[in-house]
N, C-alpha and C. Protein backbone atom coordinates (compact mmCIF):
# COMPACT_ATOMS: atom_id res chain seq x y z
N MET A 1 -51.74 -40.32 46.11
CA MET A 1 -52.21 -41.65 45.70
C MET A 1 -53.63 -41.86 46.22
N ASP A 2 -54.58 -42.19 45.33
CA ASP A 2 -55.96 -42.36 45.78
C ASP A 2 -56.19 -43.77 46.32
N ALA A 3 -57.43 -44.02 46.78
CA ALA A 3 -57.75 -45.30 47.41
C ALA A 3 -57.54 -46.47 46.47
N CYS A 4 -57.85 -46.27 45.19
CA CYS A 4 -57.69 -47.35 44.22
C CYS A 4 -56.22 -47.71 44.07
N ASP A 5 -55.36 -46.69 43.99
CA ASP A 5 -53.93 -46.93 43.86
C ASP A 5 -53.39 -47.65 45.08
N ILE A 6 -53.84 -47.26 46.28
CA ILE A 6 -53.38 -47.89 47.51
C ILE A 6 -53.76 -49.37 47.52
N THR A 7 -54.98 -49.66 47.08
CA THR A 7 -55.44 -51.05 47.04
C THR A 7 -54.57 -51.89 46.12
N ILE A 8 -54.22 -51.34 44.97
CA ILE A 8 -53.37 -52.05 44.03
C ILE A 8 -52.02 -52.36 44.65
N VAL A 9 -51.41 -51.35 45.28
CA VAL A 9 -50.09 -51.54 45.86
C VAL A 9 -50.11 -52.55 46.99
N GLU A 10 -51.15 -52.51 47.82
CA GLU A 10 -51.24 -53.41 48.95
C GLU A 10 -51.34 -54.86 48.52
N HIS A 11 -51.88 -55.12 47.35
CA HIS A 11 -52.07 -56.49 46.90
C HIS A 11 -50.91 -57.00 46.05
N VAL A 12 -49.92 -56.15 45.81
CA VAL A 12 -48.76 -56.59 45.03
C VAL A 12 -47.62 -56.90 46.00
N GLU A 13 -47.42 -58.16 46.27
CA GLU A 13 -46.39 -58.57 47.22
C GLU A 13 -45.03 -58.74 46.56
N ASN A 14 -45.04 -59.10 45.31
CA ASN A 14 -43.78 -59.31 44.60
C ASN A 14 -43.98 -58.96 43.15
N VAL A 15 -43.28 -57.91 42.68
CA VAL A 15 -43.49 -57.43 41.32
C VAL A 15 -43.11 -58.48 40.29
N SER A 16 -41.99 -59.15 40.49
CA SER A 16 -41.56 -60.15 39.52
C SER A 16 -42.60 -61.26 39.39
N HIS A 17 -43.18 -61.68 40.51
CA HIS A 17 -44.21 -62.72 40.48
C HIS A 17 -45.41 -62.24 39.68
N ASN A 18 -45.81 -61.00 39.88
CA ASN A 18 -46.98 -60.48 39.17
C ASN A 18 -46.70 -60.27 37.69
N LEU A 19 -45.48 -59.91 37.34
CA LEU A 19 -45.13 -59.79 35.92
C LEU A 19 -45.18 -61.15 35.25
N PHE A 20 -44.77 -62.19 35.99
CA PHE A 20 -44.86 -63.55 35.44
C PHE A 20 -46.32 -63.93 35.24
N TYR A 21 -47.18 -63.52 36.17
CA TYR A 21 -48.61 -63.83 36.06
C TYR A 21 -49.20 -63.17 34.82
N ILE A 22 -48.67 -61.98 34.46
CA ILE A 22 -49.16 -61.30 33.26
C ILE A 22 -49.01 -62.20 32.05
N ARG A 23 -47.86 -62.85 31.94
CA ARG A 23 -47.60 -63.69 30.78
C ARG A 23 -48.59 -64.85 30.71
N LYS A 24 -48.94 -65.41 31.86
CA LYS A 24 -49.85 -66.55 31.89
C LYS A 24 -51.28 -66.12 31.59
N SER A 25 -51.65 -64.89 31.99
CA SER A 25 -53.03 -64.46 31.88
C SER A 25 -53.29 -63.56 30.70
N TYR A 26 -52.26 -63.29 29.88
CA TYR A 26 -52.42 -62.32 28.81
C TYR A 26 -53.50 -62.73 27.81
N CYS A 27 -53.65 -64.02 27.55
CA CYS A 27 -54.62 -64.49 26.56
C CYS A 27 -56.03 -64.57 27.12
N ASN A 28 -56.16 -64.32 28.42
CA ASN A 28 -57.48 -64.35 29.05
C ASN A 28 -58.29 -63.15 28.57
N GLU A 29 -59.44 -63.38 27.98
CA GLU A 29 -60.22 -62.29 27.42
C GLU A 29 -60.64 -61.28 28.49
N ASN A 30 -60.75 -61.73 29.74
CA ASN A 30 -61.20 -60.84 30.81
C ASN A 30 -60.05 -60.17 31.55
N ALA A 31 -58.81 -60.47 31.14
CA ALA A 31 -57.65 -59.89 31.82
C ALA A 31 -57.52 -58.41 31.49
N MET A 32 -57.08 -57.64 32.48
CA MET A 32 -56.82 -56.23 32.23
C MET A 32 -55.75 -56.08 31.17
N GLU A 33 -55.81 -55.04 30.36
CA GLU A 33 -54.80 -54.81 29.33
C GLU A 33 -53.41 -54.87 29.95
N VAL A 34 -52.54 -55.64 29.32
CA VAL A 34 -51.23 -55.88 29.92
C VAL A 34 -50.43 -54.61 30.12
N HIS A 35 -50.57 -53.66 29.20
CA HIS A 35 -49.76 -52.44 29.34
C HIS A 35 -50.18 -51.62 30.56
N ILE A 36 -51.46 -51.72 30.94
CA ILE A 36 -51.93 -51.00 32.12
C ILE A 36 -51.35 -51.64 33.38
N ILE A 37 -51.36 -52.98 33.43
CA ILE A 37 -50.83 -53.68 34.60
C ILE A 37 -49.34 -53.40 34.77
N VAL A 38 -48.59 -53.55 33.69
CA VAL A 38 -47.14 -53.33 33.76
C VAL A 38 -46.84 -51.90 34.16
N ASP A 39 -47.58 -50.96 33.59
CA ASP A 39 -47.34 -49.56 33.90
C ASP A 39 -47.58 -49.26 35.38
N ILE A 40 -48.66 -49.84 35.94
CA ILE A 40 -48.96 -49.63 37.36
C ILE A 40 -47.87 -50.24 38.24
N LEU A 41 -47.48 -51.48 37.93
CA LEU A 41 -46.47 -52.17 38.74
C LEU A 41 -45.15 -51.43 38.71
N LEU A 42 -44.72 -51.02 37.52
CA LEU A 42 -43.43 -50.33 37.42
C LEU A 42 -43.49 -48.93 38.01
N ARG A 43 -44.60 -48.26 37.82
CA ARG A 43 -44.69 -46.88 38.31
C ARG A 43 -44.58 -46.81 39.82
N TYR A 44 -45.22 -47.72 40.53
CA TYR A 44 -45.26 -47.63 41.98
C TYR A 44 -44.24 -48.53 42.68
N LEU A 45 -43.88 -49.65 42.08
CA LEU A 45 -43.01 -50.59 42.78
C LEU A 45 -41.76 -50.96 41.98
N GLY A 46 -41.65 -50.46 40.78
CA GLY A 46 -40.59 -50.93 39.90
C GLY A 46 -39.21 -50.42 40.23
N ASN A 47 -38.26 -51.33 40.38
CA ASN A 47 -36.85 -50.96 40.45
C ASN A 47 -36.15 -51.59 39.25
N LEU A 48 -34.84 -51.55 39.24
CA LEU A 48 -34.12 -52.04 38.07
C LEU A 48 -34.34 -53.52 37.83
N ARG A 49 -34.49 -54.29 38.88
CA ARG A 49 -34.71 -55.73 38.74
C ARG A 49 -36.04 -56.00 38.03
N GLU A 50 -37.10 -55.32 38.47
CA GLU A 50 -38.40 -55.54 37.85
C GLU A 50 -38.42 -55.04 36.40
N TRP A 51 -37.71 -53.94 36.14
CA TRP A 51 -37.60 -53.44 34.77
C TRP A 51 -36.93 -54.49 33.89
N SER A 52 -35.89 -55.14 34.42
CA SER A 52 -35.18 -56.17 33.67
C SER A 52 -36.09 -57.36 33.39
N VAL A 53 -36.92 -57.73 34.37
CA VAL A 53 -37.86 -58.84 34.17
C VAL A 53 -38.85 -58.50 33.07
N ALA A 54 -39.40 -57.29 33.13
CA ALA A 54 -40.37 -56.88 32.12
C ALA A 54 -39.74 -56.84 30.74
N ARG A 55 -38.48 -56.48 30.68
CA ARG A 55 -37.80 -56.33 29.39
C ARG A 55 -37.63 -57.67 28.66
N VAL A 56 -37.50 -58.76 29.42
CA VAL A 56 -37.26 -60.06 28.79
C VAL A 56 -38.42 -61.03 28.95
N LEU A 57 -39.47 -60.62 29.63
CA LEU A 57 -40.58 -61.54 29.91
C LEU A 57 -41.28 -62.00 28.64
N CYS A 58 -41.64 -61.04 27.78
CA CYS A 58 -42.27 -61.38 26.51
C CYS A 58 -42.22 -60.14 25.62
N ARG A 59 -42.64 -60.31 24.38
CA ARG A 59 -42.56 -59.20 23.42
C ARG A 59 -43.40 -58.02 23.86
N HIS A 60 -44.58 -58.28 24.43
CA HIS A 60 -45.48 -57.20 24.82
C HIS A 60 -44.87 -56.34 25.93
N THR A 61 -44.35 -56.99 26.98
CA THR A 61 -43.77 -56.22 28.07
C THR A 61 -42.47 -55.55 27.65
N HIS A 62 -41.71 -56.20 26.76
CA HIS A 62 -40.48 -55.59 26.25
C HIS A 62 -40.80 -54.29 25.52
N ASP A 63 -41.81 -54.31 24.69
CA ASP A 63 -42.18 -53.12 23.94
C ASP A 63 -42.63 -51.99 24.85
N ILE A 64 -43.28 -52.36 25.96
CA ILE A 64 -43.75 -51.35 26.90
C ILE A 64 -42.59 -50.57 27.51
N VAL A 65 -41.59 -51.29 28.02
CA VAL A 65 -40.46 -50.59 28.66
C VAL A 65 -39.56 -49.93 27.62
N ALA A 66 -39.51 -50.51 26.41
CA ALA A 66 -38.65 -49.95 25.37
C ALA A 66 -39.16 -48.59 24.89
N LYS A 67 -40.48 -48.39 24.96
CA LYS A 67 -41.06 -47.15 24.46
C LYS A 67 -41.13 -46.06 25.52
N LYS A 68 -40.68 -46.35 26.74
CA LYS A 68 -40.64 -45.31 27.77
C LYS A 68 -39.63 -44.23 27.37
N GLN A 69 -39.89 -43.01 27.83
CA GLN A 69 -39.00 -41.90 27.53
C GLN A 69 -37.97 -41.76 28.67
N TYR A 70 -36.75 -42.24 28.41
CA TYR A 70 -35.70 -42.16 29.42
C TYR A 70 -34.84 -40.92 29.19
N ARG A 71 -34.34 -40.39 30.28
CA ARG A 71 -33.45 -39.23 30.17
C ARG A 71 -32.06 -39.68 29.74
N MET A 72 -31.38 -38.83 29.01
CA MET A 72 -30.04 -39.13 28.54
C MET A 72 -29.03 -38.08 29.02
N ASP A 73 -29.44 -37.30 30.02
CA ASP A 73 -28.58 -36.21 30.50
C ASP A 73 -28.23 -36.34 31.98
N VAL A 74 -28.38 -37.55 32.53
CA VAL A 74 -28.03 -37.78 33.94
C VAL A 74 -26.57 -38.20 33.98
N LEU A 75 -25.68 -37.23 33.94
CA LEU A 75 -24.26 -37.50 33.81
C LEU A 75 -23.58 -37.65 35.16
N GLY A 76 -22.61 -38.53 35.22
CA GLY A 76 -21.87 -38.75 36.45
C GLY A 76 -20.90 -37.62 36.76
N VAL A 77 -20.49 -37.54 38.00
CA VAL A 77 -19.54 -36.51 38.45
C VAL A 77 -18.42 -37.18 39.23
N ARG A 78 -17.31 -36.45 39.40
CA ARG A 78 -16.15 -36.98 40.10
C ARG A 78 -16.00 -36.40 41.50
N SER A 79 -16.60 -35.27 41.75
CA SER A 79 -16.45 -34.61 43.05
C SER A 79 -17.72 -33.84 43.40
N PHE A 80 -17.77 -33.34 44.64
CA PHE A 80 -18.93 -32.59 45.14
C PHE A 80 -20.22 -33.38 44.92
N ILE A 81 -20.18 -34.65 45.30
CA ILE A 81 -21.33 -35.54 45.12
C ILE A 81 -22.25 -35.44 46.33
N ARG A 82 -23.52 -35.16 46.08
CA ARG A 82 -24.52 -35.18 47.16
C ARG A 82 -24.99 -36.62 47.31
N THR A 83 -24.59 -37.26 48.39
CA THR A 83 -24.80 -38.70 48.56
C THR A 83 -26.22 -39.07 48.97
N ASN A 84 -27.07 -38.08 49.26
CA ASN A 84 -28.43 -38.39 49.71
C ASN A 84 -29.50 -37.83 48.79
N ARG A 85 -29.12 -37.52 47.54
CA ARG A 85 -30.10 -37.01 46.60
C ARG A 85 -29.95 -37.68 45.24
N CYS A 86 -31.07 -38.16 44.72
CA CYS A 86 -31.06 -38.79 43.40
C CYS A 86 -30.72 -37.74 42.34
N MET A 87 -29.77 -38.04 41.48
CA MET A 87 -29.33 -37.09 40.47
C MET A 87 -30.28 -37.04 39.28
N CYS A 88 -31.32 -37.88 39.29
CA CYS A 88 -32.30 -37.88 38.21
C CYS A 88 -33.59 -37.16 38.64
N CYS A 89 -34.25 -37.67 39.67
CA CYS A 89 -35.51 -37.07 40.12
C CYS A 89 -35.30 -36.01 41.20
N LEU A 90 -34.07 -35.92 41.73
CA LEU A 90 -33.67 -34.92 42.73
C LEU A 90 -34.33 -35.13 44.10
N LYS A 91 -34.92 -36.31 44.32
CA LYS A 91 -35.54 -36.58 45.60
C LYS A 91 -34.50 -37.05 46.61
N HIS A 92 -34.80 -36.81 47.89
CA HIS A 92 -33.93 -37.29 48.96
C HIS A 92 -34.03 -38.81 49.04
N VAL A 93 -32.92 -39.49 49.24
CA VAL A 93 -32.91 -40.95 49.35
C VAL A 93 -31.93 -41.37 50.44
N ASP A 94 -32.39 -42.21 51.35
CA ASP A 94 -31.56 -42.63 52.48
C ASP A 94 -30.53 -43.69 52.09
N GLU A 95 -30.92 -44.60 51.22
CA GLU A 95 -30.00 -45.66 50.79
C GLU A 95 -29.90 -45.63 49.26
N PRO A 96 -29.12 -44.70 48.73
CA PRO A 96 -29.05 -44.52 47.27
C PRO A 96 -28.29 -45.63 46.57
N ARG A 97 -28.50 -45.74 45.27
CA ARG A 97 -27.74 -46.62 44.42
C ARG A 97 -26.61 -45.81 43.79
N TRP A 98 -25.39 -46.37 43.83
CA TRP A 98 -24.24 -45.73 43.22
C TRP A 98 -23.90 -46.46 41.93
N ILE A 99 -23.86 -45.73 40.83
CA ILE A 99 -23.47 -46.30 39.54
C ILE A 99 -22.08 -45.78 39.21
N SER A 100 -21.12 -46.69 39.14
CA SER A 100 -19.73 -46.31 38.84
C SER A 100 -19.47 -46.44 37.35
N HIS A 101 -18.83 -45.45 36.78
CA HIS A 101 -18.47 -45.47 35.36
C HIS A 101 -17.13 -46.20 35.22
N LYS A 102 -17.19 -47.54 35.29
CA LYS A 102 -15.98 -48.35 35.32
C LYS A 102 -15.38 -48.65 33.96
N ALA A 103 -16.03 -48.19 32.90
CA ALA A 103 -15.54 -48.49 31.55
C ALA A 103 -14.45 -47.52 31.11
N VAL A 104 -13.92 -46.76 32.03
CA VAL A 104 -12.84 -45.81 31.74
C VAL A 104 -11.70 -46.03 32.73
N PRO A 105 -10.51 -45.54 32.43
CA PRO A 105 -9.41 -45.64 33.41
C PRO A 105 -9.80 -45.03 34.74
N VAL A 106 -9.22 -45.53 35.81
CA VAL A 106 -9.59 -45.11 37.17
C VAL A 106 -9.51 -43.60 37.34
N SER A 107 -8.52 -42.97 36.76
CA SER A 107 -8.34 -41.52 36.93
C SER A 107 -9.47 -40.71 36.31
N TYR A 108 -10.27 -41.34 35.43
CA TYR A 108 -11.39 -40.64 34.79
C TYR A 108 -12.74 -41.14 35.29
N MET A 109 -12.75 -42.01 36.28
CA MET A 109 -13.98 -42.62 36.74
C MET A 109 -14.91 -41.58 37.38
N ARG A 110 -16.20 -41.69 37.07
CA ARG A 110 -17.21 -40.82 37.64
C ARG A 110 -18.32 -41.66 38.28
N TYR A 111 -19.21 -40.98 38.99
CA TYR A 111 -20.25 -41.69 39.73
C TYR A 111 -21.59 -40.98 39.56
N THR A 112 -22.64 -41.80 39.56
CA THR A 112 -24.01 -41.28 39.51
C THR A 112 -24.76 -41.84 40.70
N VAL A 113 -25.45 -40.98 41.43
CA VAL A 113 -26.25 -41.38 42.59
C VAL A 113 -27.72 -41.33 42.19
N THR A 114 -28.44 -42.44 42.43
CA THR A 114 -29.86 -42.47 42.10
C THR A 114 -30.67 -43.09 43.24
N CYS A 115 -31.98 -42.92 43.13
CA CYS A 115 -32.88 -43.64 44.03
C CYS A 115 -33.07 -45.05 43.46
N HIS A 116 -34.04 -45.79 43.96
CA HIS A 116 -34.21 -47.18 43.54
C HIS A 116 -35.26 -47.35 42.44
N HIS A 117 -35.85 -46.27 41.98
CA HIS A 117 -36.88 -46.39 40.95
C HIS A 117 -36.23 -46.70 39.60
N TYR A 118 -36.89 -47.57 38.84
CA TYR A 118 -36.30 -48.03 37.59
C TYR A 118 -36.04 -46.89 36.61
N MET A 119 -36.92 -45.88 36.58
CA MET A 119 -36.76 -44.79 35.62
C MET A 119 -35.47 -44.01 35.88
N CYS A 120 -35.15 -43.78 37.14
CA CYS A 120 -33.94 -43.04 37.48
C CYS A 120 -32.69 -43.88 37.22
N GLN A 121 -32.75 -45.17 37.57
CA GLN A 121 -31.59 -46.03 37.38
C GLN A 121 -31.30 -46.28 35.90
N THR A 122 -32.34 -46.57 35.12
CA THR A 122 -32.11 -46.81 33.69
C THR A 122 -31.70 -45.52 32.98
N SER A 123 -32.26 -44.40 33.38
CA SER A 123 -31.85 -43.12 32.79
C SER A 123 -30.38 -42.85 33.05
N ALA A 124 -29.93 -43.17 34.27
CA ALA A 124 -28.53 -42.97 34.61
C ALA A 124 -27.63 -43.90 33.80
N LEU A 125 -28.06 -45.17 33.64
CA LEU A 125 -27.27 -46.13 32.87
C LEU A 125 -27.21 -45.74 31.40
N PHE A 126 -28.36 -45.39 30.82
CA PHE A 126 -28.38 -45.00 29.41
C PHE A 126 -27.57 -43.73 29.18
N SER A 127 -27.65 -42.79 30.13
CA SER A 127 -26.87 -41.55 30.02
C SER A 127 -25.38 -41.85 30.04
N MET A 128 -24.97 -42.77 30.92
CA MET A 128 -23.56 -43.15 31.00
C MET A 128 -23.09 -43.76 29.68
N ILE A 129 -23.90 -44.68 29.13
CA ILE A 129 -23.51 -45.35 27.89
C ILE A 129 -23.40 -44.36 26.74
N ARG A 130 -24.39 -43.47 26.62
CA ARG A 130 -24.35 -42.48 25.55
C ARG A 130 -23.18 -41.53 25.71
N ASP A 131 -22.92 -41.11 26.95
CA ASP A 131 -21.82 -40.18 27.20
C ASP A 131 -20.47 -40.82 26.88
N LEU A 132 -20.27 -42.07 27.29
CA LEU A 132 -19.02 -42.76 27.00
C LEU A 132 -18.84 -42.95 25.50
N SER A 133 -19.94 -43.17 24.80
CA SER A 133 -19.85 -43.37 23.36
C SER A 133 -19.32 -42.13 22.65
N THR A 134 -19.59 -40.95 23.20
CA THR A 134 -19.06 -39.74 22.58
C THR A 134 -17.54 -39.69 22.67
N SER A 135 -16.97 -40.49 23.56
CA SER A 135 -15.51 -40.61 23.67
C SER A 135 -15.03 -41.92 23.05
N ASN A 136 -15.91 -42.54 22.25
CA ASN A 136 -15.58 -43.79 21.56
C ASN A 136 -15.24 -44.93 22.53
N ILE A 137 -15.93 -44.96 23.65
CA ILE A 137 -15.78 -46.04 24.62
C ILE A 137 -17.09 -46.80 24.71
N HIS A 138 -17.04 -48.12 24.51
CA HIS A 138 -18.23 -48.96 24.55
C HIS A 138 -18.20 -49.83 25.81
N VAL A 139 -19.35 -49.96 26.44
CA VAL A 139 -19.46 -50.69 27.72
C VAL A 139 -19.76 -52.16 27.46
N LEU A 140 -19.02 -53.03 28.13
CA LEU A 140 -19.21 -54.48 27.99
C LEU A 140 -20.36 -54.96 28.88
N THR A 141 -20.97 -56.07 28.50
CA THR A 141 -22.04 -56.63 29.32
C THR A 141 -21.49 -57.14 30.66
N SER A 142 -20.23 -57.51 30.68
CA SER A 142 -19.55 -57.95 31.90
C SER A 142 -18.04 -57.81 31.69
N PRO A 143 -17.26 -57.71 32.77
CA PRO A 143 -15.81 -57.59 32.61
C PRO A 143 -15.25 -58.78 31.83
N PHE A 144 -14.28 -58.52 30.96
CA PHE A 144 -13.74 -59.63 30.15
C PHE A 144 -12.75 -60.49 30.92
N GLN A 145 -12.35 -60.05 32.12
CA GLN A 145 -11.55 -60.89 33.00
C GLN A 145 -11.75 -60.42 34.43
N VAL A 146 -11.32 -61.24 35.39
CA VAL A 146 -11.62 -60.98 36.79
C VAL A 146 -10.82 -59.81 37.34
N THR A 147 -9.55 -59.72 37.01
CA THR A 147 -8.69 -58.66 37.54
C THR A 147 -8.26 -57.72 36.42
N GLY A 148 -7.64 -56.62 36.81
CA GLY A 148 -7.14 -55.66 35.83
C GLY A 148 -5.71 -55.93 35.40
N ASP A 149 -5.13 -57.00 35.89
CA ASP A 149 -3.76 -57.34 35.51
C ASP A 149 -3.71 -57.86 34.08
N ILE A 150 -2.70 -57.42 33.32
CA ILE A 150 -2.64 -57.84 31.92
C ILE A 150 -1.21 -57.73 31.40
N GLN A 151 -0.90 -58.54 30.41
CA GLN A 151 0.40 -58.49 29.75
C GLN A 151 0.27 -57.64 28.48
N ILE A 152 1.07 -56.60 28.42
CA ILE A 152 0.95 -55.62 27.33
C ILE A 152 2.07 -55.84 26.31
N PRO A 153 1.74 -56.09 25.05
CA PRO A 153 2.77 -56.29 24.02
C PRO A 153 3.49 -54.96 23.70
N ARG A 154 4.80 -55.03 23.56
CA ARG A 154 5.58 -53.85 23.22
C ARG A 154 6.04 -53.92 21.77
N SER A 155 6.43 -52.79 21.22
CA SER A 155 6.85 -52.72 19.82
C SER A 155 8.14 -53.48 19.56
N ASN A 156 8.94 -53.72 20.62
CA ASN A 156 10.21 -54.45 20.44
C ASN A 156 10.04 -55.96 20.59
N GLY A 157 8.80 -56.42 20.69
CA GLY A 157 8.54 -57.85 20.78
C GLY A 157 8.43 -58.39 22.19
N THR A 158 8.71 -57.58 23.19
CA THR A 158 8.60 -58.02 24.58
C THR A 158 7.21 -57.70 25.10
N VAL A 159 6.95 -58.13 26.33
CA VAL A 159 5.68 -57.80 26.98
C VAL A 159 5.97 -57.15 28.32
N THR A 160 5.04 -56.32 28.77
CA THR A 160 5.17 -55.62 30.04
C THR A 160 3.94 -55.88 30.88
N SER A 161 4.13 -56.12 32.15
CA SER A 161 2.99 -56.29 33.06
C SER A 161 2.38 -54.93 33.36
N GLY A 162 1.07 -54.86 33.26
CA GLY A 162 0.39 -53.59 33.51
C GLY A 162 -1.04 -53.79 33.96
N GLN A 163 -1.83 -52.75 33.82
CA GLN A 163 -3.23 -52.77 34.21
C GLN A 163 -4.10 -52.42 33.01
N CYS A 164 -5.35 -52.82 33.07
CA CYS A 164 -6.25 -52.53 31.96
C CYS A 164 -7.65 -52.23 32.48
N VAL A 165 -8.46 -51.63 31.63
CA VAL A 165 -9.88 -51.40 31.92
C VAL A 165 -10.62 -52.65 31.48
N THR A 166 -11.36 -53.27 32.38
CA THR A 166 -12.02 -54.54 32.07
C THR A 166 -13.51 -54.40 31.74
N HIS A 167 -14.08 -53.22 32.00
CA HIS A 167 -15.52 -53.05 31.80
C HIS A 167 -15.88 -52.37 30.48
N GLY A 168 -14.90 -51.89 29.74
CA GLY A 168 -15.20 -51.19 28.50
C GLY A 168 -14.05 -51.27 27.52
N LEU A 169 -14.34 -50.97 26.26
CA LEU A 169 -13.34 -51.02 25.20
C LEU A 169 -13.36 -49.72 24.41
N ALA A 170 -12.22 -49.36 23.88
CA ALA A 170 -12.14 -48.19 23.00
C ALA A 170 -12.44 -48.62 21.57
N MET A 171 -13.24 -47.82 20.89
CA MET A 171 -13.55 -48.08 19.48
C MET A 171 -12.70 -47.14 18.63
N ILE A 172 -11.77 -47.69 17.87
CA ILE A 172 -10.87 -46.89 17.04
C ILE A 172 -10.91 -47.45 15.62
N ARG A 173 -11.33 -46.61 14.69
CA ARG A 173 -11.43 -47.02 13.28
C ARG A 173 -12.21 -48.33 13.14
N ASN A 174 -13.35 -48.37 13.83
CA ASN A 174 -14.28 -49.51 13.77
C ASN A 174 -13.68 -50.82 14.31
N GLN A 175 -12.66 -50.70 15.13
CA GLN A 175 -12.07 -51.87 15.77
C GLN A 175 -12.03 -51.65 17.28
N TYR A 176 -12.23 -52.73 18.04
CA TYR A 176 -12.20 -52.63 19.50
C TYR A 176 -10.78 -52.79 20.03
N TYR A 177 -10.45 -51.97 21.03
CA TYR A 177 -9.14 -52.00 21.66
C TYR A 177 -9.28 -52.06 23.18
N VAL A 178 -8.37 -52.81 23.81
CA VAL A 178 -8.29 -52.86 25.27
C VAL A 178 -7.43 -51.70 25.73
N MET A 179 -7.94 -50.93 26.69
CA MET A 179 -7.20 -49.77 27.22
C MET A 179 -6.26 -50.24 28.32
N THR A 180 -4.97 -50.13 28.10
CA THR A 180 -3.97 -50.60 29.06
C THR A 180 -3.06 -49.45 29.50
N ARG A 181 -2.36 -49.70 30.61
CA ARG A 181 -1.40 -48.70 31.10
C ARG A 181 -0.35 -49.39 31.96
N TRP A 182 0.82 -48.80 32.01
CA TRP A 182 1.87 -49.22 32.93
C TRP A 182 2.70 -47.99 33.26
N HIS A 183 2.99 -47.80 34.52
CA HIS A 183 3.67 -46.60 35.00
C HIS A 183 2.96 -45.37 34.45
N ASP A 184 3.66 -44.54 33.70
CA ASP A 184 3.05 -43.33 33.14
C ASP A 184 2.69 -43.49 31.67
N HIS A 185 2.66 -44.73 31.19
CA HIS A 185 2.40 -44.98 29.78
C HIS A 185 1.01 -45.60 29.58
N CYS A 186 0.40 -45.29 28.45
CA CYS A 186 -0.89 -45.85 28.07
C CYS A 186 -0.79 -46.43 26.66
N LYS A 187 -1.54 -47.50 26.42
CA LYS A 187 -1.53 -48.11 25.09
C LYS A 187 -2.85 -48.83 24.85
N ASN A 188 -3.41 -48.61 23.68
CA ASN A 188 -4.62 -49.33 23.27
C ASN A 188 -4.20 -50.55 22.47
N VAL A 189 -4.50 -51.72 22.99
CA VAL A 189 -4.11 -52.98 22.36
C VAL A 189 -5.33 -53.59 21.68
N PRO A 190 -5.21 -54.03 20.43
CA PRO A 190 -6.35 -54.62 19.73
C PRO A 190 -6.98 -55.77 20.52
N TRP A 191 -8.29 -55.77 20.58
CA TRP A 191 -9.03 -56.85 21.25
C TRP A 191 -8.61 -58.20 20.70
N SER A 192 -8.36 -58.25 19.40
CA SER A 192 -8.00 -59.51 18.73
C SER A 192 -6.65 -60.06 19.19
N HIS A 193 -5.84 -59.23 19.84
CA HIS A 193 -4.57 -59.73 20.36
C HIS A 193 -4.80 -60.71 21.50
N TYR A 194 -5.88 -60.52 22.25
CA TYR A 194 -6.16 -61.35 23.42
C TYR A 194 -7.27 -62.39 23.17
N PHE A 195 -8.20 -62.07 22.28
CA PHE A 195 -9.37 -62.95 22.12
C PHE A 195 -9.66 -63.19 20.63
N ASP A 196 -10.28 -64.32 20.36
CA ASP A 196 -10.65 -64.67 18.98
C ASP A 196 -12.16 -64.64 18.78
N HIS A 197 -12.86 -63.95 19.66
CA HIS A 197 -14.31 -63.80 19.53
C HIS A 197 -14.68 -62.33 19.70
N GLU A 198 -15.87 -61.98 19.24
CA GLU A 198 -16.32 -60.60 19.33
C GLU A 198 -16.72 -60.26 20.77
N PRO A 199 -16.43 -59.04 21.21
CA PRO A 199 -16.85 -58.65 22.57
C PRO A 199 -18.36 -58.46 22.63
N ARG A 200 -18.92 -58.64 23.81
CA ARG A 200 -20.35 -58.45 24.00
C ARG A 200 -20.58 -57.07 24.60
N ILE A 201 -21.22 -56.21 23.82
CA ILE A 201 -21.44 -54.82 24.21
C ILE A 201 -22.86 -54.66 24.73
N VAL A 202 -23.02 -53.96 25.85
CA VAL A 202 -24.34 -53.76 26.44
C VAL A 202 -25.08 -52.68 25.67
N PHE A 203 -26.37 -52.90 25.42
CA PHE A 203 -27.22 -51.94 24.71
C PHE A 203 -26.50 -51.35 23.51
N LYS A 204 -26.08 -52.23 22.62
CA LYS A 204 -25.27 -51.81 21.48
C LYS A 204 -25.97 -50.78 20.62
N GLU A 205 -27.30 -50.82 20.60
CA GLU A 205 -28.04 -49.85 19.79
C GLU A 205 -27.81 -48.42 20.25
N LEU A 206 -27.58 -48.22 21.56
CA LEU A 206 -27.30 -46.88 22.06
C LEU A 206 -25.96 -46.38 21.54
N HIS A 207 -24.95 -47.26 21.53
CA HIS A 207 -23.65 -46.89 21.00
C HIS A 207 -23.77 -46.56 19.52
N SER A 208 -24.55 -47.32 18.79
CA SER A 208 -24.66 -47.14 17.35
C SER A 208 -25.22 -45.77 17.01
N VAL A 209 -26.22 -45.31 17.80
CA VAL A 209 -26.83 -43.99 17.54
C VAL A 209 -25.79 -42.90 17.69
N VAL A 210 -24.97 -42.99 18.74
CA VAL A 210 -23.96 -41.96 18.97
C VAL A 210 -22.86 -42.05 17.93
N ASP A 211 -22.41 -43.29 17.62
CA ASP A 211 -21.33 -43.46 16.65
C ASP A 211 -21.71 -42.87 15.29
N ALA A 212 -22.97 -43.00 14.92
CA ALA A 212 -23.41 -42.51 13.61
C ALA A 212 -23.39 -40.99 13.53
N SER A 213 -23.47 -40.35 14.71
CA SER A 213 -23.52 -38.88 14.72
C SER A 213 -22.14 -38.25 14.88
N ILE A 214 -21.10 -39.06 15.14
CA ILE A 214 -19.75 -38.52 15.35
C ILE A 214 -19.07 -38.27 14.02
């Protein structure tokens, strides 16, 4: 990092605050090109929070982060996890971020370890979403209920208490299903059995790309 870069970093006390300033100063004829400012802030100080701010701040900053080249091959693992190395940039990290693949049953859950840089975290998230889509599992923006407890309808008209996956849904014949289980049994129950509204899927465009290729 040269002297100019150090000066820039030293004067940036809060990335979110400076990204907000970009929006206010963008129309200033003497303002530095917004894409240069955002690129500098994200490159040196950007984590997932700042990336999220840039993504929704305005159309210009959204386009900047949207056009970045993210990796789609940072896949989670279930065992032999190196807890002090980012699985994207491979750098040593003392306090890593753990991304849990919660949109699948517990027995299939995997984990991704990353550093705090936005490129590594978003690459891991996008890789997870794309990978799950190949198994026809779509990730929800948030769990559809607080706990995994659920009443499962049976073919004989009764219901059984069981568990379900709350962070993701199975896509079967263009319909969403809740993944449920009880004892040694599994059953995909139509989303419409429990709710009368459409589920909210995170980064739906990523799922669509994969679905079209299956």
